[in-house]
Amino acid sequence: MDSKGKVFGVLGLCQRSGKLKSGEFACLEAIRKKTAVVVVVSEDASDNTKKEFSDKCKFYNVPIYFFGSMDELGHAIGKDVRTSLAITDAGLAKTLIKNLLSEKSTEEM
C-alpha cells in the first residue's frame, strides 16, 4: 500500500473507532473545544474554507494538513463528500501525521 493509501486507511480507522469529526461545523467545534488533535482539509476545498480552517487552527494551535480531494476524504471514512476532518485521538493523530509527512516527502522526489 502506498503512503496515500495508508493515510486513507488511518482516517477510516479513526472513523470506525469514533475518534473523528467530519464536516465543517463539527470540525470547527472540535477545534474550539480543544478536542481536535489534528485537522485535515481537502486540497480542493474553497479558498475561503482553507483560510477559515487555517486561521482557526493557528489560533488554537492545532496542526492542519491539506490532503486529498473531498471525494477521497469522504470515501475513506465511508461517507459522502467531506471537506474537513478532525482527529480527536492523540495516538491515531500521530500515526496519521507520520503517514502524511511520508506522503509529502514522496511527492517531492
C-alpha atoms as a PDB file:
ATOM      1  CA  MET A   1       0.000   0.000   0.000  1.00  0.00           C
ATOM      2  CA  ASP A   2       1.328   3.442  -0.898  1.00  0.00           C
ATOM      3  CA  SER A   3       1.567   6.181   1.724  1.00  0.00           C
ATOM      4  CA  LYS A   4      -1.538   7.932   0.355  1.00  0.00           C
ATOM      5  CA  GLY A   5      -3.488   4.700   0.852  1.00  0.00           C
ATOM      6  CA  LYS A   6      -2.123   4.433   4.388  1.00  0.00           C
ATOM      7  CA  VAL A   7      -3.384   7.945   5.190  1.00  0.00           C
ATOM      8  CA  PHE A   8      -6.882   6.992   3.985  1.00  0.00           C
ATOM      9  CA  GLY A   9      -6.642   3.734   5.963  1.00  0.00           C
ATOM     10  CA  VAL A  10      -5.857   5.620   9.179  1.00  0.00           C
ATOM     11  CA  LEU A  11      -8.754   8.017   8.514  1.00  0.00           C
ATOM     12  CA  GLY A  12     -11.084   5.020   8.104  1.00  0.00           C
ATOM     13  CA  LEU A  13      -9.777   3.568  11.369  1.00  0.00           C
ATOM     14  CA  CYS A  14     -10.390   6.910  13.129  1.00  0.00           C
ATOM     15  CA  GLN A  15     -13.976   6.918  11.826  1.00  0.00           C
ATOM     16  CA  ARG A  16     -14.658   3.327  12.919  1.00  0.00           C
ATOM     17  CA  SER A  17     -13.224   3.955  16.377  1.00  0.00           C
ATOM     18  CA  GLY A  18     -15.316   7.106  16.819  1.00  0.00           C
ATOM     19  CA  LYS A  19     -12.241   9.360  17.050  1.00  0.00           C
ATOM     20  CA  LEU A  20     -13.073  11.507  14.038  1.00  0.00           C
ATOM     21  CA  LYS A  21     -15.316  14.508  13.443  1.00  0.00           C
ATOM     22  CA  SER A  22     -16.291  15.297   9.869  1.00  0.00           C
ATOM     23  CA  GLY A  23     -17.972  18.245   8.254  1.00  0.00           C
ATOM     24  CA  GLU A  24     -17.258  21.931   8.704  1.00  0.00           C
ATOM     25  CA  PHE A  25     -19.434  22.577  11.783  1.00  0.00           C
ATOM     26  CA  ALA A  26     -18.295  19.506  13.747  1.00  0.00           C
ATOM     27  CA  CYS A  27     -14.618  20.146  12.924  1.00  0.00           C
ATOM     28  CA  LEU A  28     -14.694  23.825  13.889  1.00  0.00           C
ATOM     29  CA  GLU A  29     -16.475  22.884  17.124  1.00  0.00           C
ATOM     30  CA  ALA A  30     -13.792  20.246  17.895  1.00  0.00           C
ATOM     31  CA  ILE A  31     -11.074  22.867  17.306  1.00  0.00           C
ATOM     32  CA  ARG A  32     -12.826  25.394  19.580  1.00  0.00           C
ATOM     33  CA  LYS A  33     -13.399  22.804  22.318  1.00  0.00           C
ATOM     34  CA  LYS A  34      -9.731  21.763  22.015  1.00  0.00           C
ATOM     35  CA  THR A  35     -10.681  18.129  21.306  1.00  0.00           C
ATOM     36  CA  ALA A  36      -9.167  18.179  17.793  1.00  0.00           C
ATOM     37  CA  VAL A  37      -5.579  16.881  17.795  1.00  0.00           C
ATOM     38  CA  VAL A  38      -5.044  17.334  14.044  1.00  0.00           C
ATOM     39  CA  VAL A  39      -7.209  18.651  11.200  1.00  0.00           C
ATOM     40  CA  VAL A  40      -7.242  17.512   7.566  1.00  0.00           C
ATOM     41  CA  VAL A  41      -8.815  19.744   4.899  1.00  0.00           C
ATOM     42  CA  SER A  42      -9.192  18.626   1.286  1.00  0.00           C
ATOM     43  CA  GLU A  43      -6.870  20.218  -1.257  1.00  0.00           C
ATOM     44  CA  ASP A  44      -9.868  21.107  -3.444  1.00  0.00           C
ATOM     45  CA  ALA A  45     -11.707  22.979  -0.666  1.00  0.00           C
ATOM     46  CA  SER A  46     -12.599  26.596  -1.420  1.00  0.00           C
ATOM     47  CA  ASP A  47     -10.013  29.278  -0.583  1.00  0.00           C
ATOM     48  CA  ASN A  48     -12.494  30.665   1.938  1.00  0.00           C
ATOM     49  CA  THR A  49     -12.753  27.285   3.728  1.00  0.00           C
ATOM     50  CA  LYS A  50      -8.974  26.789   3.698  1.00  0.00           C
ATOM     51  CA  LYS A  51      -8.459  30.252   5.189  1.00  0.00           C
ATOM     52  CA  GLU A  52     -11.136  29.748   7.844  1.00  0.00           C
ATOM     53  CA  PHE A  53      -9.605  26.447   8.998  1.00  0.00           C
ATOM     54  CA  SER A  54      -6.027  27.758   8.763  1.00  0.00           C
ATOM     55  CA  ASP A  55      -6.882  30.780  10.910  1.00  0.00           C
ATOM     56  CA  LYS A  56      -8.845  28.728  13.455  1.00  0.00           C
ATOM     57  CA  CYS A  57      -6.128  26.048  13.715  1.00  0.00           C
ATOM     58  CA  LYS A  58      -3.413  28.676  14.069  1.00  0.00           C
ATOM     59  CA  PHE A  59      -5.343  30.451  16.824  1.00  0.00           C
ATOM     60  CA  TYR A  60      -5.998  27.210  18.767  1.00  0.00           C
ATOM     61  CA  ASN A  61      -2.559  25.773  17.934  1.00  0.00           C
ATOM     62  CA  VAL A  62      -3.869  22.676  16.100  1.00  0.00           C
ATOM     63  CA  PRO A  63      -1.764  21.215  13.256  1.00  0.00           C
ATOM     64  CA  ILE A  64      -3.550  21.342   9.887  1.00  0.00           C
ATOM     65  CA  TYR A  65      -2.818  19.422   6.691  1.00  0.00           C
ATOM     66  CA  PHE A  66      -4.247  19.873   3.216  1.00  0.00           C
ATOM     67  CA  PHE A  67      -4.595  16.431   1.686  1.00  0.00           C
ATOM     68  CA  GLY A  68      -6.637  14.541  -0.891  1.00  0.00           C
ATOM     69  CA  SER A  69      -9.861  15.550  -2.558  1.00  0.00           C
ATOM     70  CA  MET A  70     -13.311  15.932  -0.999  1.00  0.00           C
ATOM     71  CA  ASP A  71     -14.362  12.688  -2.698  1.00  0.00           C
ATOM     72  CA  GLU A  72     -11.310  10.800  -1.397  1.00  0.00           C
ATOM     73  CA  LEU A  73     -11.769  12.035   2.182  1.00  0.00           C
ATOM     74  CA  GLY A  74     -15.455  11.125   2.156  1.00  0.00           C
ATOM     75  CA  HIS A  75     -14.772   7.710   0.622  1.00  0.00           C
ATOM     76  CA  ALA A  76     -12.023   6.983   3.188  1.00  0.00           C
ATOM     77  CA  ILE A  77     -14.499   7.348   6.063  1.00  0.00           C
ATOM     78  CA  GLY A  78     -17.405   5.679   4.260  1.00  0.00           C
ATOM     79  CA  LYS A  79     -19.470   8.830   3.770  1.00  0.00           C
ATOM     80  CA  ASP A  80     -20.352  11.342   1.057  1.00  0.00           C
ATOM     81  CA  VAL A  81     -18.061  14.199   0.090  1.00  0.00           C
ATOM     82  CA  ARG A  82     -16.155  15.656   3.070  1.00  0.00           C
ATOM     83  CA  THR A  83     -14.095  18.855   3.049  1.00  0.00           C
ATOM     84  CA  SER A  84     -12.753  18.697   6.590  1.00  0.00           C
ATOM     85  CA  LEU A  85     -11.911  16.053   9.174  1.00  0.00           C
ATOM     86  CA  ALA A  86     -10.743  16.449  12.768  1.00  0.00           C
ATOM     87  CA  ILE A  87      -8.980  13.578  14.558  1.00  0.00           C
ATOM     88  CA  THR A  88      -9.614  13.566  18.314  1.00  0.00           C
ATOM     89  CA  ASP A  89      -7.229  10.780  19.410  1.00  0.00           C
ATOM     90  CA  ALA A  90      -3.540  11.588  20.021  1.00  0.00           C
ATOM     91  CA  GLY A  91      -2.221   8.129  19.069  1.00  0.00           C
ATOM     92  CA  LEU A  92      -4.174   7.957  15.816  1.00  0.00           C
ATOM     93  CA  ALA A  93      -3.260  11.573  15.051  1.00  0.00           C
ATOM     94  CA  LYS A  94       0.444  10.756  15.480  1.00  0.00           C
ATOM     95  CA  THR A  95       0.156   7.825  13.040  1.00  0.00           C
ATOM     96  CA  LEU A  96      -1.787   9.985  10.588  1.00  0.00           C
ATOM     97  CA  ILE A  97       0.804  12.798  10.700  1.00  0.00           C
ATOM     98  CA  LYS A  98       3.642  10.299  10.171  1.00  0.00           C
ATOM     99  CA  ASN A  99       1.879   8.949   7.063  1.00  0.00           C
ATOM    100  CA  LEU A 100       1.002  12.452   5.827  1.00  0.00           C
ATOM    101  CA  LEU A 101       4.648  13.518   6.141  1.00  0.00           C
ATOM    102  CA  SER A 102       5.885  10.423   4.306  1.00  0.00           C
ATOM    103  CA  GLU A 103       3.303  11.153   1.574  1.00  0.00           C
ATOM    104  CA  LYS A 104       4.567  14.741   1.274  1.00  0.00           C
ATOM    105  CA  SER A 105       8.209  13.612   1.035  1.00  0.00           C
ATOM    106  CA  THR A 106       7.239  11.047  -1.643  1.00  0.00           C
ATOM    107  CA  GLU A 107       5.624  13.833  -3.723  1.00  0.00           C
ATOM    108  CA  GLU A 108       8.767  15.945  -3.569  1.00  0.00           C
ATOM    109  CA  MET A 109      11.019  13.232  -5.045  1.00  0.00           C
END
